[in-house]
C-alpha atoms as a PDB file:
ATOM      1  CA  MET A   1     114.256 105.908 145.263  1.00  0.00           C
ATOM      2  CA  THR A   2     110.757 105.629 143.813  1.00  0.00           C
ATOM      3  CA  ASP A   3     107.918 106.493 146.196  1.00  0.00           C
ATOM      4  CA  LYS A   4     105.648 103.453 146.605  1.00  0.00           C
ATOM      5  CA  THR A   5     103.230 104.963 149.113  1.00  0.00           C
ATOM      6  CA  TYR A   6      99.655 103.759 148.633  1.00  0.00           C
ATOM      7  CA  THR A   7      97.172 106.615 148.388  1.00  0.00           C
ATOM      8  CA  ILE A   8      93.502 106.820 147.407  1.00  0.00           C
ATOM      9  CA  LYS A   9      92.207 109.725 145.355  1.00  0.00           C
ATOM     10  CA  THR A  10      89.007 110.814 143.649  1.00  0.00           C
ATOM     11  CA  MET A  11      89.224 109.861 139.980  1.00  0.00           C
ATOM     12  CA  THR A  12      89.400 112.382 137.215  1.00  0.00           C
ATOM     13  CA  ARG A  13      87.304 111.703 134.143  1.00  0.00           C
ATOM     14  CA  ALA A  14      90.485 110.351 132.451  1.00  0.00           C
ATOM     15  CA  ASP A  15      91.098 108.019 135.411  1.00  0.00           C
ATOM     16  CA  LEU A  16      87.666 106.505 134.874  1.00  0.00           C
ATOM     17  CA  ASP A  17      88.715 105.479 131.370  1.00  0.00           C
ATOM     18  CA  ILE A  18      91.497 103.431 133.009  1.00  0.00           C
ATOM     19  CA  ALA A  19      89.002 101.692 135.300  1.00  0.00           C
ATOM     20  CA  VAL A  20      86.723 100.941 132.342  1.00  0.00           C
ATOM     21  CA  GLU A  21      89.680  99.387 130.544  1.00  0.00           C
ATOM     22  CA  TRP A  22      90.357  97.188 133.579  1.00  0.00           C
ATOM     23  CA  ALA A  23      86.689  96.177 133.532  1.00  0.00           C
ATOM     24  CA  ALA A  24      87.046  95.196 129.886  1.00  0.00           C
ATOM     25  CA  GLN A  25      90.076  93.072 130.745  1.00  0.00           C
ATOM     26  CA  GLU A  26      87.986  91.343 133.439  1.00  0.00           C
ATOM     27  CA  GLY A  27      85.461  90.374 130.753  1.00  0.00           C
ATOM     28  CA  TRP A  28      82.716  92.783 131.870  1.00  0.00           C
ATOM     29  CA  ASN A  29      82.258  94.123 128.326  1.00  0.00           C
ATOM     30  CA  PRO A  30      81.614  97.804 129.113  1.00  0.00           C
ATOM     31  CA  GLY A  31      79.694 100.074 126.772  1.00  0.00           C
ATOM     32  CA  LEU A  32      81.712 102.371 124.532  1.00  0.00           C
ATOM     33  CA  GLN A  33      80.220 105.516 126.103  1.00  0.00           C
ATOM     34  CA  ASP A  34      79.639 104.217 129.639  1.00  0.00           C
ATOM     35  CA  ALA A  35      82.363 106.226 131.352  1.00  0.00           C
ATOM     36  CA  GLY A  36      80.943 109.634 130.468  1.00  0.00           C
ATOM     37  CA  CYS A  37      77.437 108.669 131.587  1.00  0.00           C
ATOM     38  CA  TYR A  38      78.686 107.116 134.819  1.00  0.00           C
ATOM     39  CA  TYR A  39      80.794 110.157 135.626  1.00  0.00           C
ATOM     40  CA  ASN A  40      77.766 112.426 135.146  1.00  0.00           C
ATOM     41  CA  ALA A  41      75.922 110.466 137.818  1.00  0.00           C
ATOM     42  CA  ASP A  42      78.374 111.560 140.550  1.00  0.00           C
ATOM     43  CA  PRO A  43      81.796 113.002 139.605  1.00  0.00           C
ATOM     44  CA  ASN A  44      83.029 112.466 143.179  1.00  0.00           C
ATOM     45  CA  GLY A  45      81.878 108.849 143.322  1.00  0.00           C
ATOM     46  CA  PHE A  46      84.894 107.169 141.713  1.00  0.00           C
ATOM     47  CA  LEU A  47      88.054 106.361 143.668  1.00  0.00           C
ATOM     48  CA  MET A  48      91.447 105.151 142.469  1.00  0.00           C
ATOM     49  CA  GLY A  49      94.195 103.519 144.511  1.00  0.00           C
ATOM     50  CA  MET A  50      97.675 104.710 143.581  1.00  0.00           C
ATOM     51  CA  LEU A  51     100.924 102.947 144.431  1.00  0.00           C
ATOM     52  CA  GLY A  52     103.253 105.856 143.960  1.00  0.00           C
ATOM     53  CA  ASP A  53     102.331 107.107 140.498  1.00  0.00           C
ATOM     54  CA  GLU A  54     100.801 103.816 139.345  1.00  0.00           C
ATOM     55  CA  PRO A  55      97.027 103.279 139.395  1.00  0.00           C
ATOM     56  CA  ILE A  56      96.392  99.790 140.807  1.00  0.00           C
ATOM     57  CA  ALA A  57      92.847  99.739 142.245  1.00  0.00           C
ATOM     58  CA  SER A  58      89.420 101.226 141.592  1.00  0.00           C
ATOM     59  CA  ILE A  59      85.946 101.427 143.059  1.00  0.00           C
ATOM     60  CA  SER A  60      82.795 103.363 142.170  1.00  0.00           C
ATOM     61  CA  VAL A  61      80.552 104.569 144.967  1.00  0.00           C
ATOM     62  CA  VAL A  62      77.904 106.691 143.282  1.00  0.00           C
ATOM     63  CA  LYS A  63      75.548 108.734 145.439  1.00  0.00           C
ATOM     64  CA  TYR A  64      71.916 109.069 144.418  1.00  0.00           C
ATOM     65  CA  GLY A  65      69.676 111.560 146.195  1.00  0.00           C
ATOM     66  CA  GLU A  66      70.030 111.663 149.955  1.00  0.00           C
ATOM     67  CA  SER A  67      69.657 108.017 150.901  1.00  0.00           C
ATOM     68  CA  PHE A  68      71.092 105.591 148.320  1.00  0.00           C
ATOM     69  CA  GLY A  69      74.436 104.631 146.827  1.00  0.00           C
ATOM     70  CA  PHE A  70      75.637 101.989 144.400  1.00  0.00           C
ATOM     71  CA  LEU A  71      79.025 100.279 144.480  1.00  0.00           C
ATOM     72  CA  GLY A  72      80.845  98.876 141.453  1.00  0.00           C
ATOM     73  CA  PHE A  73      84.141  98.828 139.542  1.00  0.00           C
ATOM     74  CA  TYR A  74      85.775  97.121 142.519  1.00  0.00           C
ATOM     75  CA  ILE A  75      88.992  96.015 140.825  1.00  0.00           C
ATOM     76  CA  VAL A  76      92.586  95.510 141.899  1.00  0.00           C
ATOM     77  CA  LYS A  77      95.161  94.884 139.180  1.00  0.00           C
ATOM     78  CA  ALA A  78      96.138  91.215 139.167  1.00  0.00           C
ATOM     79  CA  ASP A  79      99.753  91.730 140.297  1.00  0.00           C
ATOM     80  CA  TYR A  80      98.636  93.589 143.414  1.00  0.00           C
ATOM     81  CA  ARG A  81      95.854  91.374 144.727  1.00  0.00           C
ATOM     82  CA  GLY A  82      96.008  89.819 148.172  1.00  0.00           C
ATOM     83  CA  GLN A  83      98.152  92.635 149.567  1.00  0.00           C
ATOM     84  CA  GLY A  84      95.528  94.714 151.336  1.00  0.00           C
ATOM     85  CA  TYR A  85      95.073  97.387 148.687  1.00  0.00           C
ATOM     86  CA  GLY A  86      91.551  96.295 147.834  1.00  0.00           C
ATOM     87  CA  ILE A  87      90.152  96.455 151.359  1.00  0.00           C
ATOM     88  CA  GLN A  88      91.619  99.930 151.820  1.00  0.00           C
ATOM     89  CA  ILE A  89      89.864 101.353 148.773  1.00  0.00           C
ATOM     90  CA  TRP A  90      86.716  99.394 149.717  1.00  0.00           C
ATOM     91  CA  ASN A  91      86.712 101.037 153.157  1.00  0.00           C
ATOM     92  CA  ALA A  92      87.286 104.468 151.636  1.00  0.00           C
ATOM     93  CA  GLY A  93      84.366 103.913 149.283  1.00  0.00           C
ATOM     94  CA  MET A  94      82.052 102.736 152.039  1.00  0.00           C
ATOM     95  CA  ASP A  95      83.056 105.762 154.129  1.00  0.00           C
ATOM     96  CA  TYR A  96      81.984 107.997 151.232  1.00  0.00           C
ATOM     97  CA  LEU A  97      78.566 106.289 151.268  1.00  0.00           C
ATOM     98  CA  ALA A  98      78.224 106.268 155.069  1.00  0.00           C
ATOM     99  CA  GLY A  99      74.630 106.505 156.272  1.00  0.00           C
ATOM    100  CA  ARG A 100      73.125 105.344 152.975  1.00  0.00           C
ATOM    101  CA  ASN A 101      71.567 102.112 151.833  1.00  0.00           C
ATOM    102  CA  VAL A 102      74.208 100.718 149.448  1.00  0.00           C
ATOM    103  CA  GLY A 103      73.511  98.354 146.570  1.00  0.00           C
ATOM    104  CA  LEU A 104      75.827  96.283 144.393  1.00  0.00           C
ATOM    105  CA  ASP A 105      75.804  93.543 141.778  1.00  0.00           C
ATOM    106  CA  GLY A 106      78.573  91.222 142.887  1.00  0.00           C
ATOM    107  CA  VAL A 107      79.928  88.095 141.286  1.00  0.00           C
ATOM    108  CA  VAL A 108      78.455  85.099 143.034  1.00  0.00           C
ATOM    109  CA  ALA A 109      81.874  83.865 144.214  1.00  0.00           C
ATOM    110  CA  GLN A 110      82.313  87.049 146.283  1.00  0.00           C
ATOM    111  CA  GLN A 111      78.862  86.933 147.836  1.00  0.00           C
ATOM    112  CA  GLU A 112      80.133  85.677 151.200  1.00  0.00           C
ATOM    113  CA  ASN A 113      82.739  88.443 151.404  1.00  0.00           C
ATOM    114  CA  TYR A 114      80.080  91.060 150.702  1.00  0.00           C
ATOM    115  CA  ARG A 115      77.882  89.498 153.374  1.00  0.00           C
ATOM    116  CA  LYS A 116      80.711  89.942 155.886  1.00  0.00           C
ATOM    117  CA  SER A 117      80.707  93.640 154.982  1.00  0.00           C
ATOM    118  CA  GLY A 118      77.018  93.953 155.848  1.00  0.00           C
ATOM    119  CA  PHE A 119      75.382  93.262 152.485  1.00  0.00           C
ATOM    120  CA  LYS A 120      72.282  91.069 152.268  1.00  0.00           C
ATOM    121  CA  LEU A 121      71.140  89.143 149.206  1.00  0.00           C
ATOM    122  CA  ALA A 122      68.035  90.510 147.460  1.00  0.00           C
ATOM    123  CA  TYR A 123      67.993  88.349 144.319  1.00  0.00           C
ATOM    124  CA  GLY A 124      70.168  87.160 141.473  1.00  0.00           C
ATOM    125  CA  ASN A 125      70.625  88.784 138.070  1.00  0.00           C
ATOM    126  CA  MET A 126      71.498  86.735 135.006  1.00  0.00           C
ATOM    127  CA  ARG A 127      73.252  87.892 131.835  1.00  0.00           C
ATOM    128  CA  TYR A 128      71.879  86.341 128.669  1.00  0.00           C
ATOM    129  CA  GLU A 129      73.646  86.420 125.320  1.00  0.00           C
ATOM    130  CA  GLY A 130      72.054  86.101 121.887  1.00  0.00           C
ATOM    131  CA  ILE A 131      72.086  87.763 118.487  1.00  0.00           C
ATOM    132  CA  GLY A 132      70.419  90.855 117.073  1.00  0.00           C
ATOM    133  CA  GLY A 133      68.554  91.450 113.860  1.00  0.00           C
ATOM    134  CA  GLY A 134      64.934  91.075 112.887  1.00  0.00           C
ATOM    135  CA  THR A 135      62.507  93.669 111.578  1.00  0.00           C
ATOM    136  CA  MET A 136      61.201  96.680 113.396  1.00  0.00           C
ATOM    137  CA  PRO A 137      57.663  95.891 114.624  1.00  0.00           C
ATOM    138  CA  ASP A 138      54.900  97.701 112.768  1.00  0.00           C
ATOM    139  CA  ASP A 139      53.601  99.194 115.980  1.00  0.00           C
ATOM    140  CA  PRO A 140      52.680 102.894 116.176  1.00  0.00           C
ATOM    141  CA  SER A 141      52.868 102.768 119.968  1.00  0.00           C
ATOM    142  CA  ILE A 142      56.677 102.346 119.768  1.00  0.00           C
ATOM    143  CA  VAL A 143      58.361 105.748 119.592  1.00  0.00           C
ATOM    144  CA  VAL A 144      61.872 107.147 119.580  1.00  0.00           C
ATOM    145  CA  LEU A 145      62.396 108.190 123.184  1.00  0.00           C
ATOM    146  CA  SER A 146      63.874 111.576 122.281  1.00  0.00           C
ATOM    147  CA  THR A 147      60.499 112.606 120.831  1.00  0.00           C
ATOM    148  CA  LEU A 148      59.086 112.644 124.366  1.00  0.00           C
ATOM    149  CA  PRO A 149      59.839 115.233 127.069  1.00  0.00           C
ATOM    150  CA  VAL A 150      62.737 113.898 129.099  1.00  0.00           C
ATOM    151  CA  GLU A 151      60.713 114.557 132.255  1.00  0.00           C
ATOM    152  CA  LYS A 152      58.263 111.840 131.161  1.00  0.00           C
ATOM    153  CA  VAL A 153      61.108 109.361 130.875  1.00  0.00           C
ATOM    154  CA  THR A 154      62.694 110.185 134.218  1.00  0.00           C
ATOM    155  CA  ALA A 155      59.286 110.136 135.914  1.00  0.00           C
ATOM    156  CA  TYR A 156      58.616 106.636 134.543  1.00  0.00           C
ATOM    157  CA  ASP A 157      62.119 105.504 135.513  1.00  0.00           C
ATOM    158  CA  ALA A 158      61.540 106.539 139.130  1.00  0.00           C
ATOM    159  CA  ALA A 159      59.543 103.364 139.849  1.00  0.00           C
ATOM    160  CA  PHE A 160      62.586 101.232 139.044  1.00  0.00           C
ATOM    161  CA  PHE A 161      65.257 102.875 141.196  1.00  0.00           C
ATOM    162  CA  PRO A 162      65.424 103.741 144.899  1.00  0.00           C
ATOM    163  CA  GLU A 163      66.383 107.417 144.439  1.00  0.00           C
ATOM    164  CA  ASP A 164      66.393 110.175 141.855  1.00  0.00           C
ATOM    165  CA  ARG A 165      68.800 109.535 138.960  1.00  0.00           C
ATOM    166  CA  ALA A 166      67.381 111.923 136.376  1.00  0.00           C
ATOM    167  CA  ASN A 167      70.739 113.432 135.371  1.00  0.00           C
ATOM    168  CA  PHE A 168      72.180 109.964 134.729  1.00  0.00           C
ATOM    169  CA  ILE A 169      69.160 108.802 132.705  1.00  0.00           C
ATOM    170  CA  GLU A 170      69.285 111.951 130.564  1.00  0.00           C
ATOM    171  CA  SER A 171      72.892 111.111 129.652  1.00  0.00           C
ATOM    172  CA  TRP A 172      72.198 107.388 129.248  1.00  0.00           C
ATOM    173  CA  ILE A 173      69.347 107.664 126.748  1.00  0.00           C
ATOM    174  CA  SER A 174      71.199 110.193 124.570  1.00  0.00           C
ATOM    175  CA  GLN A 175      74.680 108.660 124.397  1.00  0.00           C
ATOM    176  CA  PRO A 176      76.221 108.379 120.902  1.00  0.00           C
ATOM    177  CA  GLY A 177      75.536 105.169 118.997  1.00  0.00           C
ATOM    178  CA  THR A 178      72.564 104.304 121.195  1.00  0.00           C
ATOM    179  CA  HIS A 179      68.954 103.583 120.268  1.00  0.00           C
ATOM    180  CA  ALA A 180      66.409 104.493 122.958  1.00  0.00           C
ATOM    181  CA  LEU A 181      62.764 103.585 122.384  1.00  0.00           C
ATOM    182  CA  GLY A 182      59.557 103.961 124.373  1.00  0.00           C
ATOM    183  CA  ILE A 183      56.174 102.294 124.154  1.00  0.00           C
ATOM    184  CA  LEU A 184      52.960 104.208 124.769  1.00  0.00           C
ATOM    185  CA  LYS A 185      49.538 103.337 126.135  1.00  0.00           C
ATOM    186  CA  ALA A 186      46.831 105.970 125.793  1.00  0.00           C
ATOM    187  CA  GLY A 187      49.558 108.515 125.114  1.00  0.00           C
ATOM    188  CA  GLU A 188      51.482 107.765 128.304  1.00  0.00           C
ATOM    189  CA  LEU A 189      54.804 105.972 128.601  1.00  0.00           C
ATOM    190  CA  ALA A 190      54.297 102.290 129.452  1.00  0.00           C
ATOM    191  CA  GLY A 191      57.875 101.124 129.006  1.00  0.00           C
ATOM    192  CA  TYR A 192      61.244 102.064 127.571  1.00  0.00           C
ATOM    193  CA  GLY A 193      64.492 100.437 126.551  1.00  0.00           C
ATOM    194  CA  VAL A 194      68.000 101.291 125.442  1.00  0.00           C
ATOM    195  CA  ILE A 195      70.488  99.362 123.302  1.00  0.00           C
ATOM    196  CA  ARG A 196      74.077 100.593 123.347  1.00  0.00           C
ATOM    197  CA  PRO A 197      77.312  99.545 121.638  1.00  0.00           C
ATOM    198  CA  CYS A 198      79.840  97.701 123.801  1.00  0.00           C
ATOM    199  CA  ARG A 199      83.365  96.356 123.353  1.00  0.00           C
ATOM    200  CA  THR A 200      81.655  93.214 122.075  1.00  0.00           C
ATOM    201  CA  GLY A 201      78.233  93.570 120.494  1.00  0.00           C
ATOM    202  CA  TYR A 202      75.446  95.506 122.186  1.00  0.00           C
ATOM    203  CA  LYS A 203      73.750  95.544 125.580  1.00  0.00           C
ATOM    204  CA  ILE A 204      70.058  96.157 126.106  1.00  0.00           C
ATOM    205  CA  GLY A 205      69.499  97.956 129.368  1.00  0.00           C
ATOM    206  CA  PRO A 206      67.360  99.143 130.846  1.00  0.00           C
ATOM    207  CA  LEU A 207      64.312  97.337 129.519  1.00  0.00           C
ATOM    208  CA  PHE A 208      61.312  98.356 131.619  1.00  0.00           C
ATOM    209  CA  ALA A 209      57.701  97.672 130.668  1.00  0.00           C
ATOM    210  CA  ASP A 210      54.271  97.518 132.250  1.00  0.00           C
ATOM    211  CA  ASP A 211      53.674  93.970 131.006  1.00  0.00           C
ATOM    212  CA  ALA A 212      55.317  91.095 129.148  1.00  0.00           C
ATOM    213  CA  ASP A 213      53.769  91.954 125.777  1.00  0.00           C
ATOM    214  CA  LYS A 214      55.153  95.489 125.853  1.00  0.00           C
ATOM    215  CA  ALA A 215      58.558  94.164 126.919  1.00  0.00           C
ATOM    216  CA  GLU A 216      58.474  91.730 123.986  1.00  0.00           C
ATOM    217  CA  ALA A 217      57.603  94.511 121.527  1.00  0.00           C
ATOM    218  CA  LEU A 218      60.346  96.797 122.841  1.00  0.00           C
ATOM    219  CA  PHE A 219      62.912  93.985 122.845  1.00  0.00           C
ATOM    220  CA  GLY A 220      62.119  93.140 119.223  1.00  0.00           C
ATOM    221  CA  ALA A 221      62.343  96.784 118.208  1.00  0.00           C
ATOM    222  CA  LEU A 222      65.670  97.288 119.971  1.00  0.00           C
ATOM    223  CA  LYS A 223      67.346  94.209 118.575  1.00  0.00           C
ATOM    224  CA  SER A 224      66.171  95.105 115.067  1.00  0.00           C
ATOM    225  CA  LYS A 225      68.443  98.157 115.322  1.00  0.00           C
ATOM    226  CA  VAL A 226      71.588  95.998 115.125  1.00  0.00           C
ATOM    227  CA  GLY A 227      72.795  93.371 112.697  1.00  0.00           C
ATOM    228  CA  ALA A 228      71.775  89.713 112.595  1.00  0.00           C
ATOM    229  CA  ASN A 229      75.391  88.731 113.324  1.00  0.00           C
ATOM    230  CA  ASP A 230      75.833  91.155 116.225  1.00  0.00           C
ATOM    231  CA  ALA A 231      75.949  89.762 119.748  1.00  0.00           C
ATOM    232  CA  ILE A 232      73.375  91.215 122.140  1.00  0.00           C
ATOM    233  CA  PHE A 233      73.284  90.945 125.917  1.00  0.00           C
ATOM    234  CA  LEU A 234      70.380  91.296 128.346  1.00  0.00           C
ATOM    235  CA  ASP A 235      70.727  91.281 132.144  1.00  0.00           C
ATOM    236  CA  VAL A 236      67.515  90.041 133.762  1.00  0.00           C
ATOM    237  CA  PRO A 237      66.407  89.638 137.390  1.00  0.00           C
ATOM    238  CA  ALA A 238      66.132  85.922 138.128  1.00  0.00           C
ATOM    239  CA  VAL A 239      63.013  86.655 140.202  1.00  0.00           C
ATOM    240  CA  ASN A 240      61.089  87.946 137.177  1.00  0.00           C
ATOM    241  CA  PRO A 241      59.944  84.794 135.357  1.00  0.00           C
ATOM    242  CA  ASP A 242      58.573  86.802 132.433  1.00  0.00           C
ATOM    243  CA  ALA A 243      61.998  88.382 131.889  1.00  0.00           C
ATOM    244  CA  VAL A 244      63.712  84.998 131.977  1.00  0.00           C
ATOM    245  CA  ALA A 245      61.116  83.645 129.547  1.00  0.00           C
ATOM    246  CA  LEU A 246      61.717  86.584 127.195  1.00  0.00           C
ATOM    247  CA  ALA A 247      65.434  85.830 127.013  1.00  0.00           C
ATOM    248  CA  GLU A 248      64.911  82.109 126.559  1.00  0.00           C
ATOM    249  CA  ARG A 249      62.209  82.613 123.941  1.00  0.00           C
ATOM    250  CA  HIS A 250      64.794  84.433 121.832  1.00  0.00           C
ATOM    251  CA  ASP A 251      67.313  81.583 122.170  1.00  0.00           C
ATOM    252  CA  MET A 252      69.579  83.574 124.454  1.00  0.00           C
ATOM    253  CA  ALA A 253      71.973  81.611 126.651  1.00  0.00           C
ATOM    254  CA  MET A 254      72.931  82.552 130.201  1.00  0.00           C
ATOM    255  CA  SER A 255      76.604  83.489 130.381  1.00  0.00           C
ATOM    256  CA  PHE A 256      77.072  85.277 133.706  1.00  0.00           C
ATOM    257  CA  GLU A 257      75.361  85.750 137.050  1.00  0.00           C
ATOM    258  CA  THR A 258      75.489  88.356 139.782  1.00  0.00           C
ATOM    259  CA  ALA A 259      74.032  88.765 143.261  1.00  0.00           C
ATOM    260  CA  ARG A 260      72.083  91.994 143.862  1.00  0.00           C
ATOM    261  CA  MET A 261      72.755  92.887 147.472  1.00  0.00           C
ATOM    262  CA  TYR A 262      71.965  95.814 149.771  1.00  0.00           C
ATOM    263  CA  THR A 263      73.248  96.957 153.156  1.00  0.00           C
ATOM    264  CA  GLY A 264      69.808  98.183 154.232  1.00  0.00           C
ATOM    265  CA  GLU A 265      66.244  97.239 153.444  1.00  0.00           C
ATOM    266  CA  ILE A 266      65.555  95.859 149.986  1.00  0.00           C
ATOM    267  CA  PRO A 267      64.130  98.858 148.105  1.00  0.00           C
ATOM    268  CA  GLU A 268      60.551  98.724 146.879  1.00  0.00           C
ATOM    269  CA  ILE A 269      61.278  98.961 143.168  1.00  0.00           C
ATOM    270  CA  SER A 270      59.424  97.373 140.256  1.00  0.00           C
ATOM    271  CA  VAL A 271      61.516  94.256 139.752  1.00  0.00           C
ATOM    272  CA  ASP A 272      58.430  92.552 138.305  1.00  0.00           C
ATOM    273  CA  ARG A 273      58.433  95.113 135.470  1.00  0.00           C
ATOM    274  CA  THR A 274      62.214  94.992 135.006  1.00  0.00           C
ATOM    275  CA  TYR A 275      63.088  92.971 131.912  1.00  0.00           C
ATOM    276  CA  GLY A 276      66.613  94.350 131.589  1.00  0.00           C
ATOM    277  CA  VAL A 277      68.878  95.862 134.263  1.00  0.00           C
ATOM    278  CA  THR A 278      70.378  99.252 133.421  1.00  0.00           C
ATOM    279  CA  SER A 279      73.954  98.579 134.567  1.00  0.00           C
ATOM    280  CA  PHE A 280      75.727  96.169 136.910  1.00  0.00           C
ATOM    281  CA  GLU A 281      78.271  98.933 137.611  1.00  0.00           C
ATOM    282  CA  ILE A 282      76.057 101.743 138.875  1.00  0.00           C
ATOM    283  CA  GLY A 283      72.586 100.224 139.155  1.00  0.00           C
END
């Protein structure tokens, strides 16, 4: 008789590839190199629910620093939904993040369920879809990010995230197939952005900049790195009108929406300088 006991384990790196594939099937359009970067953020922060030998559920619960965690990849295979497997892996994940302020980007339809679990709405994020192409701006202040000390990049990034994530950012900006650009003011970093290949097209994220003009210049430079027929995606905070205007100015159409929620206080991060969210999966 086959053992059908439900157990929850910490994912291996290979297990995370399975969860990414499930995410692709859900229409989340993961990046081609996302799994390796995510795993670097916290190798213990990915759980898989097993029914006997079959993986049927996943969740990511990545720890950052001493006080913050981010929840994502909350998926139960379609044939096993509504049977209690999801809440068990959810509880295991939340236990792993006990004592921390936990963030997530949840689909709007699940917002009430997350509220019942102690999450409070901070703001909405909107995914915009458009096309790439264009010419690289003739702007000497735009530089390839790898020409700068990585410490400058992680120091700039710190204003946009509640806790230290330097090891993740180092992986993120150097992943294969990616273009990572910065923009300088008086020799100091005043914004940076990344465009990475995904199952469909390319995602720009993060896109951080000190003002709308720098965001515009970086956006144009990033999208010039891909073809005029390539789909591009940009996830923007709905509460940043300049970010919304940037997407709409480039004839991008909203295709998806999430609710950014936290269990604790809303972190004091620079949402007003966020023109593109890094990742709905791990923040």
